[in-house]
Amino acid sequence: QSKELEESGRKKHEQMRMSAEFCKVMRKTEDEKASEKREGPYKKYYPNGQLGLEVVYKNGEPQGTAKMYYESGQLGGEAVREDGNPEWQLKEFYESGQVFAEFSSKNGKTEGLLKKYYASGQLQYEESYVSGKLEGFRKTYYANGKLESDEFYRDGLQEGMAAVYYENGSLKSAGLFKNGKTEVPFRMYDMATDEDKEFQRIMKGMGGGDNVR
């Protein structure tokens, strides 16, 4: 079991490193752009000679399709954009080949919907961004696909109703936020009380369990 935990930890660390390295390529600072005017195909290799990164630069900016690989040779990430378009479409992968995350980046900031998945392929969470800040809903899910939590953000700050659910769908706790601060503290709910059922009925009437704006 210790070997399995060690291997799981290694893969998690490698995935985090891959994500950080990939984002670094896509989000070069102005100083880096000024001092590093790369042009044409660029490749970076692991110490064992395995290809780690391949990207094409134009006037110091990555263009077209950029790919990053695990040391095993498995594709770890892919970013695509058309020439002159500031928005990248990014997709990252577990070493198994399963999608790890998918999102868009514009001018170095996350834009639109970001989705992250369990290694099984099941959606783990989804959240919406505008210019790098959370804007709109954020939902997390249990490994079985059931909704775990439901939140709402405005200009990067948590706003409105936030709810957490048991795996069977019953309400576990709920609270209210305003401008990122707790307005009504989280309250725990029993799994099958009449109050719980009434709250869920109200929430459903407001949009299928989505947050109160």
N, C-alpha and C. Protein backbone atom coordinates (compact mmCIF):
# COMPACT_ATOMS: atom_id res chain seq x y z
N GLN A 1 0.83 -1.20 0.00
CA GLN A 1 0.00 0.00 0.00
C GLN A 1 0.87 1.26 0.00
N SER A 2 2.01 1.22 0.73
CA SER A 2 2.90 2.38 0.79
C SER A 2 3.46 2.70 -0.58
N LYS A 3 3.74 1.65 -1.38
CA LYS A 3 4.25 1.87 -2.73
C LYS A 3 3.19 2.51 -3.60
N GLU A 4 1.92 2.09 -3.40
CA GLU A 4 0.81 2.68 -4.16
C GLU A 4 0.64 4.15 -3.81
N LEU A 5 0.74 4.48 -2.51
CA LEU A 5 0.62 5.87 -2.07
C LEU A 5 1.78 6.71 -2.61
N GLU A 6 2.97 6.12 -2.60
CA GLU A 6 4.14 6.82 -3.11
C GLU A 6 3.99 7.09 -4.60
N GLU A 7 3.48 6.12 -5.35
CA GLU A 7 3.30 6.28 -6.79
C GLU A 7 2.20 7.30 -7.06
N SER A 8 1.14 7.27 -6.25
CA SER A 8 0.06 8.24 -6.40
C SER A 8 0.56 9.65 -6.14
N GLY A 9 1.40 9.78 -5.11
CA GLY A 9 1.97 11.09 -4.79
C GLY A 9 2.90 11.58 -5.89
N ARG A 10 3.67 10.66 -6.47
CA ARG A 10 4.58 11.03 -7.56
C ARG A 10 3.81 11.54 -8.75
N LYS A 11 2.73 10.84 -9.10
CA LYS A 11 1.93 11.23 -10.26
C LYS A 11 1.25 12.57 -10.02
N LYS A 12 0.79 12.80 -8.77
CA LYS A 12 0.14 14.07 -8.45
C LYS A 12 1.14 15.21 -8.55
N HIS A 13 2.35 14.98 -8.03
CA HIS A 13 3.40 15.99 -8.10
C HIS A 13 3.78 16.28 -9.55
N GLU A 14 3.87 15.23 -10.35
CA GLU A 14 4.24 15.39 -11.76
C GLU A 14 3.16 16.16 -12.51
N GLN A 15 1.88 15.87 -12.20
CA GLN A 15 0.79 16.58 -12.85
C GLN A 15 0.82 18.07 -12.49
N MET A 16 1.09 18.38 -11.23
CA MET A 16 1.17 19.78 -10.79
C MET A 16 2.35 20.48 -11.47
N ARG A 17 3.46 19.78 -11.59
CA ARG A 17 4.64 20.35 -12.24
C ARG A 17 4.35 20.61 -13.71
N MET A 18 3.66 19.68 -14.34
CA MET A 18 3.32 19.82 -15.74
C MET A 18 2.43 21.04 -15.95
N SER A 19 1.43 21.20 -15.08
CA SER A 19 0.50 22.31 -15.19
C SER A 19 1.23 23.64 -15.05
N ALA A 20 2.12 23.71 -14.04
CA ALA A 20 2.86 24.94 -13.80
C ALA A 20 3.78 25.27 -14.97
N GLU A 21 4.46 24.27 -15.48
CA GLU A 21 5.39 24.48 -16.60
C GLU A 21 4.64 24.90 -17.86
N PHE A 22 3.51 24.26 -18.10
CA PHE A 22 2.72 24.55 -19.29
C PHE A 22 2.19 25.98 -19.23
N CYS A 23 1.67 26.36 -18.07
CA CYS A 23 1.13 27.72 -17.92
C CYS A 23 2.24 28.76 -18.05
N LYS A 24 3.45 28.40 -17.63
CA LYS A 24 4.57 29.33 -17.76
C LYS A 24 4.86 29.63 -19.21
N VAL A 25 4.76 28.61 -20.05
CA VAL A 25 4.99 28.81 -21.48
C VAL A 25 3.92 29.70 -22.08
N MET A 26 2.65 29.48 -21.69
CA MET A 26 1.54 30.23 -22.24
C MET A 26 1.43 31.64 -21.69
N ARG A 27 2.03 31.87 -20.50
CA ARG A 27 1.86 33.16 -19.83
C ARG A 27 3.19 33.83 -19.55
N LYS A 28 3.94 34.06 -20.58
CA LYS A 28 5.24 34.71 -20.43
C LYS A 28 5.06 36.15 -19.98
N THR A 29 5.95 36.63 -19.10
CA THR A 29 5.88 38.01 -18.63
C THR A 29 6.41 38.95 -19.70
N GLU A 30 6.14 40.22 -19.56
CA GLU A 30 6.59 41.21 -20.52
C GLU A 30 8.12 41.24 -20.58
N ASP A 31 8.79 41.09 -19.42
CA ASP A 31 10.26 41.08 -19.39
C ASP A 31 10.81 39.90 -20.17
N GLU A 32 10.18 38.72 -19.99
CA GLU A 32 10.62 37.54 -20.72
C GLU A 32 10.43 37.71 -22.21
N LYS A 33 9.33 38.34 -22.59
CA LYS A 33 9.06 38.57 -24.01
C LYS A 33 10.11 39.49 -24.62
N ALA A 34 10.50 40.50 -23.85
CA ALA A 34 11.46 41.48 -24.36
C ALA A 34 12.86 40.89 -24.50
N SER A 35 13.24 40.01 -23.57
CA SER A 35 14.60 39.48 -23.57
C SER A 35 14.73 38.14 -24.29
N GLU A 36 13.62 37.53 -24.63
CA GLU A 36 13.67 36.19 -25.21
C GLU A 36 12.84 36.13 -26.50
N LYS A 37 13.34 36.72 -27.56
CA LYS A 37 12.63 36.77 -28.83
C LYS A 37 12.85 35.48 -29.63
N ARG A 38 12.23 34.42 -29.18
CA ARG A 38 12.37 33.17 -29.90
C ARG A 38 11.61 33.25 -31.21
N GLU A 39 12.10 32.49 -32.18
CA GLU A 39 11.46 32.48 -33.49
C GLU A 39 11.51 31.07 -34.06
N GLY A 40 10.37 30.60 -34.53
CA GLY A 40 10.31 29.28 -35.15
C GLY A 40 10.13 28.16 -34.13
N PRO A 41 10.32 26.91 -34.54
CA PRO A 41 10.13 25.74 -33.68
C PRO A 41 11.08 25.74 -32.48
N TYR A 42 10.56 25.39 -31.34
CA TYR A 42 11.38 25.30 -30.13
C TYR A 42 11.03 23.99 -29.43
N LYS A 43 12.05 23.25 -29.00
CA LYS A 43 11.84 22.00 -28.30
C LYS A 43 12.70 21.93 -27.05
N LYS A 44 12.13 21.30 -26.02
CA LYS A 44 12.84 21.14 -24.76
C LYS A 44 12.79 19.67 -24.38
N TYR A 45 13.91 19.13 -23.88
CA TYR A 45 14.01 17.69 -23.63
C TYR A 45 14.31 17.38 -22.16
N TYR A 46 13.88 16.19 -21.73
CA TYR A 46 14.23 15.68 -20.41
C TYR A 46 15.68 15.19 -20.44
N PRO A 47 16.31 15.01 -19.26
CA PRO A 47 17.69 14.51 -19.21
C PRO A 47 17.88 13.17 -19.93
N ASN A 48 16.80 12.37 -20.00
CA ASN A 48 16.91 11.07 -20.66
C ASN A 48 16.74 11.16 -22.18
N GLY A 49 16.59 12.41 -22.68
CA GLY A 49 16.46 12.60 -24.12
C GLY A 49 15.03 12.63 -24.62
N GLN A 50 14.07 12.34 -23.74
CA GLN A 50 12.66 12.33 -24.13
C GLN A 50 12.17 13.77 -24.35
N LEU A 51 11.42 13.96 -25.41
CA LEU A 51 10.85 15.28 -25.70
C LEU A 51 9.89 15.71 -24.60
N GLY A 52 10.08 16.93 -24.09
CA GLY A 52 9.23 17.42 -23.02
C GLY A 52 8.29 18.53 -23.47
N LEU A 53 8.73 19.32 -24.45
CA LEU A 53 7.93 20.45 -24.91
C LEU A 53 8.23 20.75 -26.36
N GLU A 54 7.20 21.05 -27.11
CA GLU A 54 7.40 21.52 -28.47
C GLU A 54 6.40 22.63 -28.76
N VAL A 55 6.91 23.74 -29.25
CA VAL A 55 6.08 24.90 -29.52
C VAL A 55 6.73 25.73 -30.61
N VAL A 56 5.93 26.44 -31.38
CA VAL A 56 6.43 27.31 -32.43
C VAL A 56 6.25 28.76 -32.00
N TYR A 57 7.32 29.55 -32.09
CA TYR A 57 7.28 30.95 -31.70
C TYR A 57 7.28 31.86 -32.93
N LYS A 58 6.59 32.97 -32.78
CA LYS A 58 6.58 34.00 -33.81
C LYS A 58 6.69 35.34 -33.10
N ASN A 59 7.80 36.04 -33.35
CA ASN A 59 8.07 37.31 -32.66
C ASN A 59 8.04 37.14 -31.15
N GLY A 60 8.59 36.03 -30.69
CA GLY A 60 8.68 35.78 -29.25
C GLY A 60 7.42 35.25 -28.60
N GLU A 61 6.36 35.06 -29.39
CA GLU A 61 5.09 34.58 -28.85
C GLU A 61 4.81 33.16 -29.34
N PRO A 62 4.38 32.26 -28.43
CA PRO A 62 3.99 30.91 -28.89
C PRO A 62 2.76 30.99 -29.78
N GLN A 63 2.76 30.21 -30.85
CA GLN A 63 1.67 30.25 -31.83
C GLN A 63 1.22 28.83 -32.18
N GLY A 64 0.06 28.75 -32.79
CA GLY A 64 -0.40 27.46 -33.31
C GLY A 64 -0.74 26.46 -32.23
N THR A 65 -0.04 25.33 -32.23
CA THR A 65 -0.27 24.26 -31.25
C THR A 65 0.99 24.01 -30.45
N ALA A 66 0.87 24.06 -29.13
CA ALA A 66 1.98 23.76 -28.23
C ALA A 66 1.66 22.47 -27.50
N LYS A 67 2.66 21.61 -27.35
CA LYS A 67 2.45 20.33 -26.68
C LYS A 67 3.52 20.10 -25.62
N MET A 68 3.08 19.55 -24.49
CA MET A 68 4.01 19.19 -23.42
C MET A 68 3.82 17.72 -23.10
N TYR A 69 4.94 17.04 -22.78
CA TYR A 69 4.91 15.60 -22.58
C TYR A 69 5.46 15.21 -21.22
N TYR A 70 4.96 14.08 -20.70
CA TYR A 70 5.54 13.48 -19.50
C TYR A 70 6.88 12.85 -19.89
N GLU A 71 7.68 12.55 -18.89
CA GLU A 71 8.98 11.93 -19.16
C GLU A 71 8.81 10.56 -19.80
N SER A 72 7.63 9.97 -19.62
CA SER A 72 7.33 8.67 -20.22
C SER A 72 7.05 8.79 -21.71
N GLY A 73 6.83 10.03 -22.19
CA GLY A 73 6.50 10.24 -23.59
C GLY A 73 5.02 10.47 -23.82
N GLN A 74 4.22 10.24 -22.76
CA GLN A 74 2.77 10.45 -22.86
C GLN A 74 2.46 11.95 -22.92
N LEU A 75 1.50 12.31 -23.77
CA LEU A 75 1.10 13.71 -23.91
C LEU A 75 0.53 14.22 -22.58
N GLY A 76 1.07 15.35 -22.10
CA GLY A 76 0.62 15.90 -20.83
C GLY A 76 -0.26 17.12 -20.98
N GLY A 77 -0.11 17.83 -22.10
CA GLY A 77 -0.92 19.02 -22.29
C GLY A 77 -0.85 19.52 -23.72
N GLU A 78 -1.88 20.20 -24.13
CA GLU A 78 -1.94 20.73 -25.49
C GLU A 78 -2.67 22.06 -25.46
N ALA A 79 -2.09 23.06 -26.11
CA ALA A 79 -2.70 24.38 -26.20
C ALA A 79 -2.76 24.80 -27.66
N VAL A 80 -3.91 25.31 -28.07
CA VAL A 80 -4.10 25.66 -29.48
C VAL A 80 -4.67 27.06 -29.60
N ARG A 81 -4.14 27.84 -30.54
CA ARG A 81 -4.74 29.13 -30.86
C ARG A 81 -4.36 29.50 -32.29
N GLU A 82 -5.21 30.28 -32.90
CA GLU A 82 -4.94 30.74 -34.26
C GLU A 82 -4.01 31.95 -34.22
N ASP A 83 -3.27 32.13 -35.27
CA ASP A 83 -2.31 33.23 -35.36
C ASP A 83 -3.02 34.56 -35.13
N GLY A 84 -2.53 35.32 -34.16
CA GLY A 84 -3.10 36.63 -33.88
C GLY A 84 -4.24 36.62 -32.88
N ASN A 85 -4.76 35.45 -32.56
CA ASN A 85 -5.86 35.34 -31.60
C ASN A 85 -5.27 35.27 -30.18
N PRO A 86 -5.68 36.16 -29.27
CA PRO A 86 -5.12 36.16 -27.92
C PRO A 86 -5.63 35.02 -27.04
N GLU A 87 -6.61 34.28 -27.50
CA GLU A 87 -7.20 33.24 -26.66
C GLU A 87 -6.67 31.84 -27.01
N TRP A 88 -6.21 31.15 -25.98
CA TRP A 88 -5.73 29.77 -26.11
C TRP A 88 -6.81 28.80 -25.63
N GLN A 89 -6.90 27.67 -26.28
CA GLN A 89 -7.73 26.56 -25.82
C GLN A 89 -6.78 25.50 -25.26
N LEU A 90 -6.84 25.27 -23.97
CA LEU A 90 -5.90 24.36 -23.33
C LEU A 90 -6.56 23.10 -22.80
N LYS A 91 -5.82 22.03 -22.89
CA LYS A 91 -6.29 20.75 -22.38
C LYS A 91 -5.09 20.05 -21.76
N GLU A 92 -5.25 19.60 -20.51
CA GLU A 92 -4.19 18.86 -19.82
C GLU A 92 -4.64 17.44 -19.56
N PHE A 93 -3.67 16.52 -19.48
CA PHE A 93 -3.99 15.10 -19.37
C PHE A 93 -3.27 14.44 -18.20
N TYR A 94 -3.92 13.44 -17.61
CA TYR A 94 -3.22 12.56 -16.69
C TYR A 94 -2.24 11.73 -17.51
N GLU A 95 -1.29 11.13 -16.85
CA GLU A 95 -0.32 10.31 -17.58
C GLU A 95 -0.97 9.10 -18.22
N SER A 96 -2.15 8.75 -17.74
CA SER A 96 -2.91 7.63 -18.31
C SER A 96 -3.51 8.00 -19.67
N GLY A 97 -3.56 9.32 -19.96
CA GLY A 97 -4.17 9.78 -21.20
C GLY A 97 -5.55 10.39 -20.97
N GLN A 98 -6.10 10.18 -19.78
CA GLN A 98 -7.41 10.74 -19.44
C GLN A 98 -7.29 12.26 -19.27
N VAL A 99 -8.31 13.00 -19.68
CA VAL A 99 -8.28 14.45 -19.55
C VAL A 99 -8.24 14.85 -18.08
N PHE A 100 -7.33 15.74 -17.73
CA PHE A 100 -7.18 16.25 -16.36
C PHE A 100 -7.94 17.57 -16.20
N ALA A 101 -7.79 18.47 -17.18
CA ALA A 101 -8.47 19.77 -17.12
C ALA A 101 -8.58 20.35 -18.52
N GLU A 102 -9.56 21.21 -18.71
CA GLU A 102 -9.70 21.93 -19.97
C GLU A 102 -10.25 23.32 -19.68
N PHE A 103 -9.64 24.31 -20.35
CA PHE A 103 -10.03 25.70 -20.11
C PHE A 103 -9.46 26.58 -21.21
N SER A 104 -9.82 27.86 -21.16
CA SER A 104 -9.31 28.84 -22.12
C SER A 104 -8.49 29.88 -21.38
N SER A 105 -7.52 30.46 -22.07
CA SER A 105 -6.69 31.50 -21.49
C SER A 105 -6.59 32.66 -22.48
N LYS A 106 -6.84 33.86 -21.99
CA LYS A 106 -6.78 35.04 -22.85
C LYS A 106 -5.90 36.10 -22.19
N ASN A 107 -4.88 36.52 -22.93
CA ASN A 107 -3.92 37.50 -22.40
C ASN A 107 -3.34 37.06 -21.06
N GLY A 108 -3.06 35.77 -20.97
CA GLY A 108 -2.42 35.24 -19.77
C GLY A 108 -3.36 34.97 -18.60
N LYS A 109 -4.68 35.13 -18.80
CA LYS A 109 -5.63 34.93 -17.72
C LYS A 109 -6.71 33.93 -18.13
N THR A 110 -7.13 33.12 -17.16
CA THR A 110 -8.18 32.15 -17.43
C THR A 110 -9.46 32.86 -17.82
N GLU A 111 -10.11 32.35 -18.88
CA GLU A 111 -11.31 32.99 -19.40
C GLU A 111 -12.36 31.94 -19.71
N GLY A 112 -13.59 32.18 -19.25
CA GLY A 112 -14.67 31.25 -19.55
C GLY A 112 -14.72 30.08 -18.58
N LEU A 113 -15.20 28.95 -19.05
CA LEU A 113 -15.42 27.79 -18.20
C LEU A 113 -14.17 26.93 -18.05
N LEU A 114 -13.84 26.60 -16.80
CA LEU A 114 -12.73 25.69 -16.50
C LEU A 114 -13.33 24.42 -15.91
N LYS A 115 -12.88 23.28 -16.44
CA LYS A 115 -13.35 21.99 -15.94
C LYS A 115 -12.17 21.13 -15.54
N LYS A 116 -12.27 20.49 -14.38
CA LYS A 116 -11.24 19.56 -13.92
C LYS A 116 -11.90 18.21 -13.67
N TYR A 117 -11.19 17.13 -14.01
CA TYR A 117 -11.77 15.79 -13.95
C TYR A 117 -10.99 14.87 -13.00
N TYR A 118 -11.71 13.90 -12.44
CA TYR A 118 -11.06 12.82 -11.71
C TYR A 118 -10.31 11.95 -12.71
N ALA A 119 -9.40 11.13 -12.21
CA ALA A 119 -8.64 10.23 -13.08
C ALA A 119 -9.57 9.25 -13.79
N SER A 120 -10.76 9.05 -13.25
CA SER A 120 -11.73 8.14 -13.85
C SER A 120 -12.42 8.76 -15.07
N GLY A 121 -12.29 10.09 -15.21
CA GLY A 121 -12.96 10.78 -16.30
C GLY A 121 -14.20 11.53 -15.85
N GLN A 122 -14.62 11.27 -14.60
CA GLN A 122 -15.79 11.95 -14.04
C GLN A 122 -15.44 13.42 -13.70
N LEU A 123 -16.35 14.32 -14.00
CA LEU A 123 -16.13 15.74 -13.70
C LEU A 123 -15.97 15.95 -12.20
N GLN A 124 -14.90 16.65 -11.79
CA GLN A 124 -14.63 16.92 -10.38
C GLN A 124 -15.14 18.31 -9.97
N TYR A 125 -14.88 19.31 -10.80
CA TYR A 125 -15.47 20.62 -10.56
C TYR A 125 -15.48 21.44 -11.84
N GLU A 126 -16.32 22.47 -11.86
CA GLU A 126 -16.39 23.39 -12.97
C GLU A 126 -16.64 24.78 -12.41
N GLU A 127 -15.96 25.77 -13.00
CA GLU A 127 -16.08 27.13 -12.52
C GLU A 127 -15.89 28.10 -13.68
N SER A 128 -16.49 29.28 -13.55
CA SER A 128 -16.50 30.24 -14.64
C SER A 128 -15.62 31.44 -14.31
N TYR A 129 -14.84 31.91 -15.31
CA TYR A 129 -13.91 33.02 -15.12
C TYR A 129 -14.14 34.15 -16.12
N VAL A 130 -13.81 35.37 -15.68
CA VAL A 130 -13.75 36.53 -16.55
C VAL A 130 -12.46 37.26 -16.19
N SER A 131 -11.55 37.34 -17.16
CA SER A 131 -10.26 38.01 -16.95
C SER A 131 -9.52 37.49 -15.72
N GLY A 132 -9.53 36.16 -15.54
CA GLY A 132 -8.77 35.55 -14.46
C GLY A 132 -9.45 35.53 -13.11
N LYS A 133 -10.65 36.10 -13.01
CA LYS A 133 -11.38 36.11 -11.75
C LYS A 133 -12.63 35.24 -11.85
N LEU A 134 -12.94 34.56 -10.75
CA LEU A 134 -14.16 33.77 -10.73
C LEU A 134 -15.37 34.68 -10.92
N GLU A 135 -16.24 34.26 -11.84
CA GLU A 135 -17.44 35.05 -12.14
C GLU A 135 -18.56 34.09 -12.51
N GLY A 136 -19.57 34.01 -11.65
CA GLY A 136 -20.65 33.08 -11.91
C GLY A 136 -20.55 31.84 -11.04
N PHE A 137 -21.03 30.74 -11.52
CA PHE A 137 -21.14 29.54 -10.70
C PHE A 137 -19.81 28.79 -10.53
N ARG A 138 -19.73 28.05 -9.44
CA ARG A 138 -18.66 27.08 -9.21
C ARG A 138 -19.32 25.87 -8.58
N LYS A 139 -19.15 24.70 -9.21
CA LYS A 139 -19.76 23.49 -8.70
C LYS A 139 -18.71 22.38 -8.57
N THR A 140 -18.80 21.63 -7.48
CA THR A 140 -17.92 20.48 -7.30
C THR A 140 -18.78 19.22 -7.25
N TYR A 141 -18.17 18.10 -7.61
CA TYR A 141 -18.92 16.85 -7.70
C TYR A 141 -18.18 15.71 -7.00
N TYR A 142 -18.95 14.79 -6.46
CA TYR A 142 -18.37 13.57 -5.90
C TYR A 142 -17.87 12.69 -7.05
N ALA A 143 -17.06 11.71 -6.72
CA ALA A 143 -16.50 10.82 -7.73
C ALA A 143 -17.59 10.03 -8.47
N ASN A 144 -18.78 9.91 -7.85
CA ASN A 144 -19.88 9.19 -8.49
C ASN A 144 -20.73 10.10 -9.38
N GLY A 145 -20.34 11.38 -9.50
CA GLY A 145 -21.05 12.31 -10.38
C GLY A 145 -22.11 13.15 -9.68
N LYS A 146 -22.40 12.85 -8.41
CA LYS A 146 -23.40 13.62 -7.68
C LYS A 146 -22.85 14.99 -7.27
N LEU A 147 -23.73 15.99 -7.27
CA LEU A 147 -23.33 17.34 -6.89
C LEU A 147 -22.88 17.38 -5.43
N GLU A 148 -21.70 17.97 -5.19
CA GLU A 148 -21.15 18.07 -3.83
C GLU A 148 -21.35 19.47 -3.25
N SER A 149 -21.09 20.51 -4.05
CA SER A 149 -21.27 21.88 -3.58
C SER A 149 -21.64 22.79 -4.73
N ASP A 150 -22.28 23.90 -4.38
CA ASP A 150 -22.80 24.83 -5.37
C ASP A 150 -22.58 26.25 -4.83
N GLU A 151 -21.79 27.06 -5.55
CA GLU A 151 -21.45 28.40 -5.09
C GLU A 151 -21.60 29.39 -6.24
N PHE A 152 -21.54 30.68 -5.89
CA PHE A 152 -21.63 31.72 -6.91
C PHE A 152 -20.62 32.81 -6.57
N TYR A 153 -20.00 33.38 -7.63
CA TYR A 153 -18.98 34.42 -7.44
C TYR A 153 -19.27 35.62 -8.33
N ARG A 154 -18.87 36.79 -7.82
CA ARG A 154 -18.97 38.01 -8.61
C ARG A 154 -17.68 38.79 -8.43
N ASP A 155 -16.99 39.03 -9.54
CA ASP A 155 -15.71 39.76 -9.53
C ASP A 155 -14.71 39.11 -8.57
N GLY A 156 -14.68 37.78 -8.56
CA GLY A 156 -13.72 37.04 -7.75
C GLY A 156 -14.12 36.82 -6.31
N LEU A 157 -15.25 37.38 -5.89
CA LEU A 157 -15.70 37.25 -4.51
C LEU A 157 -16.97 36.39 -4.43
N GLN A 158 -17.03 35.55 -3.40
CA GLN A 158 -18.19 34.69 -3.23
C GLN A 158 -19.43 35.52 -2.90
N GLU A 159 -20.54 35.18 -3.54
CA GLU A 159 -21.75 35.98 -3.42
C GLU A 159 -22.98 35.07 -3.38
N GLY A 160 -23.95 35.42 -2.54
CA GLY A 160 -25.19 34.68 -2.51
C GLY A 160 -25.12 33.36 -1.78
N MET A 161 -26.05 32.48 -2.09
CA MET A 161 -26.18 31.20 -1.40
C MET A 161 -25.08 30.23 -1.80
N ALA A 162 -24.54 29.52 -0.80
CA ALA A 162 -23.60 28.43 -1.03
C ALA A 162 -24.15 27.20 -0.33
N ALA A 163 -24.14 26.07 -1.01
CA ALA A 163 -24.72 24.86 -0.44
C ALA A 163 -23.79 23.67 -0.64
N VAL A 164 -23.78 22.78 0.34
CA VAL A 164 -23.01 21.54 0.28
C VAL A 164 -23.99 20.38 0.46
N TYR A 165 -23.82 19.31 -0.33
CA TYR A 165 -24.77 18.20 -0.33
C TYR A 165 -24.11 16.88 0.04
N TYR A 166 -24.93 15.99 0.60
CA TYR A 166 -24.49 14.62 0.81
C TYR A 166 -24.49 13.91 -0.54
N GLU A 167 -23.84 12.76 -0.60
CA GLU A 167 -23.78 12.02 -1.86
C GLU A 167 -25.15 11.54 -2.33
N ASN A 168 -26.11 11.44 -1.42
CA ASN A 168 -27.44 11.00 -1.82
C ASN A 168 -28.30 12.17 -2.33
N GLY A 169 -27.71 13.38 -2.36
CA GLY A 169 -28.43 14.54 -2.87
C GLY A 169 -29.08 15.40 -1.81
N SER A 170 -29.14 14.93 -0.57
CA SER A 170 -29.73 15.72 0.51
C SER A 170 -28.81 16.85 0.93
N LEU A 171 -29.40 17.95 1.37
CA LEU A 171 -28.62 19.10 1.78
C LEU A 171 -27.83 18.81 3.06
N LYS A 172 -26.56 19.15 3.05
CA LYS A 172 -25.69 18.93 4.21
C LYS A 172 -25.50 20.23 5.00
N SER A 173 -25.20 21.32 4.29
CA SER A 173 -25.04 22.61 4.95
C SER A 173 -25.24 23.72 3.93
N ALA A 174 -25.55 24.93 4.43
CA ALA A 174 -25.75 26.07 3.54
C ALA A 174 -25.45 27.36 4.27
N GLY A 175 -25.00 28.36 3.52
CA GLY A 175 -24.69 29.65 4.10
C GLY A 175 -24.90 30.74 3.06
N LEU A 176 -24.76 31.99 3.48
CA LEU A 176 -24.98 33.11 2.57
C LEU A 176 -23.78 34.05 2.61
N PHE A 177 -23.34 34.48 1.41
CA PHE A 177 -22.19 35.36 1.30
C PHE A 177 -22.55 36.68 0.62
N LYS A 178 -21.80 37.72 0.98
CA LYS A 178 -21.95 39.01 0.31
C LYS A 178 -20.57 39.66 0.23
N ASN A 179 -20.16 39.98 -1.00
CA ASN A 179 -18.85 40.60 -1.23
C ASN A 179 -17.71 39.78 -0.62
N GLY A 180 -17.83 38.46 -0.70
CA GLY A 180 -16.77 37.59 -0.23
C GLY A 180 -16.77 37.32 1.26
N LYS A 181 -17.72 37.89 1.99
CA LYS A 181 -17.78 37.71 3.43
C LYS A 181 -19.06 36.96 3.82
N THR A 182 -18.96 36.19 4.89
CA THR A 182 -20.11 35.42 5.35
C THR A 182 -21.18 36.35 5.92
N GLU A 183 -22.36 36.29 5.34
CA GLU A 183 -23.47 37.10 5.83
C GLU A 183 -24.37 36.27 6.73
N VAL A 184 -24.59 35.02 6.35
CA VAL A 184 -25.31 34.05 7.19
C VAL A 184 -24.42 32.83 7.32
N PRO A 185 -23.91 32.53 8.55
CA PRO A 185 -23.00 31.40 8.75
C PRO A 185 -23.58 30.09 8.24
N PHE A 186 -22.68 29.18 7.85
CA PHE A 186 -23.13 27.86 7.39
C PHE A 186 -23.90 27.14 8.50
N ARG A 187 -24.99 26.52 8.10
CA ARG A 187 -25.81 25.76 9.03
C ARG A 187 -25.87 24.31 8.56
N MET A 188 -25.66 23.39 9.48
CA MET A 188 -25.72 21.97 9.14
C MET A 188 -27.17 21.49 9.13
N TYR A 189 -27.50 20.61 8.19
CA TYR A 189 -28.85 20.08 8.06
C TYR A 189 -28.84 18.56 8.19
N ASP A 190 -29.87 18.03 8.83
CA ASP A 190 -30.01 16.58 8.90
C ASP A 190 -30.32 16.06 7.51
N MET A 191 -30.05 14.79 7.27
CA MET A 191 -30.16 14.23 5.93
C MET A 191 -31.59 14.10 5.43
N ALA A 192 -32.57 14.06 6.32
CA ALA A 192 -33.93 13.81 5.82
C ALA A 192 -34.99 14.56 6.63
N THR A 193 -34.66 15.75 7.10
CA THR A 193 -35.64 16.51 7.87
C THR A 193 -36.61 17.23 6.94
N ASP A 194 -37.75 17.62 7.48
CA ASP A 194 -38.73 18.37 6.70
C ASP A 194 -38.14 19.72 6.27
N GLU A 195 -37.31 20.30 7.17
CA GLU A 195 -36.70 21.60 6.86
C GLU A 195 -35.75 21.46 5.68
N ASP A 196 -35.01 20.37 5.65
CA ASP A 196 -34.10 20.08 4.55
C ASP A 196 -34.87 19.97 3.25
N LYS A 197 -35.96 19.20 3.27
CA LYS A 197 -36.75 18.99 2.07
C LYS A 197 -37.37 20.30 1.57
N GLU A 198 -37.81 21.14 2.50
CA GLU A 198 -38.41 22.42 2.13
C GLU A 198 -37.35 23.34 1.51
N PHE A 199 -36.15 23.34 2.10
CA PHE A 199 -35.07 24.17 1.54
C PHE A 199 -34.74 23.73 0.12
N GLN A 200 -34.62 22.44 -0.09
CA GLN A 200 -34.29 21.94 -1.43
C GLN A 200 -35.42 22.22 -2.42
N ARG A 201 -36.66 22.18 -1.93
CA ARG A 201 -37.79 22.50 -2.81
C ARG A 201 -37.70 23.96 -3.27
N ILE A 202 -37.34 24.87 -2.34
CA ILE A 202 -37.20 26.28 -2.66
C ILE A 202 -36.05 26.49 -3.64
N MET A 203 -34.92 25.82 -3.36
CA MET A 203 -33.74 25.94 -4.22
C MET A 203 -34.06 25.46 -5.63
N LYS A 204 -34.75 24.34 -5.72
CA LYS A 204 -35.10 23.78 -7.01
C LYS A 204 -35.99 24.74 -7.79
N GLY A 205 -36.91 25.40 -7.08
CA GLY A 205 -37.78 26.36 -7.73
C GLY A 205 -37.06 27.59 -8.22
N MET A 206 -35.86 27.80 -7.68
CA MET A 206 -35.06 28.96 -8.10
C MET A 206 -34.09 28.61 -9.22
N GLY A 207 -34.15 27.38 -9.71
CA GLY A 207 -33.29 27.04 -10.83
C GLY A 207 -32.54 25.74 -10.67
N GLY A 208 -33.19 24.73 -10.17
CA GLY A 208 -32.57 23.41 -10.11
C GLY A 208 -31.43 23.28 -9.14
N GLY A 209 -31.45 24.11 -8.06
CA GLY A 209 -30.40 23.99 -7.06
C GLY A 209 -29.30 25.00 -7.24
N ASP A 210 -29.37 25.84 -8.27
CA ASP A 210 -28.36 26.87 -8.47
C ASP A 210 -28.48 27.92 -7.36
N ASN A 211 -27.45 28.72 -7.21
CA ASN A 211 -27.40 29.69 -6.13
C ASN A 211 -28.42 30.81 -6.30
N VAL A 212 -28.83 31.34 -5.13
CA VAL A 212 -29.67 32.52 -5.09
C VAL A 212 -28.79 33.71 -5.38
N ARG A 213 -29.10 34.49 -6.40
CA ARG A 213 -28.24 35.61 -6.77
C ARG A 213 -28.58 36.83 -5.91
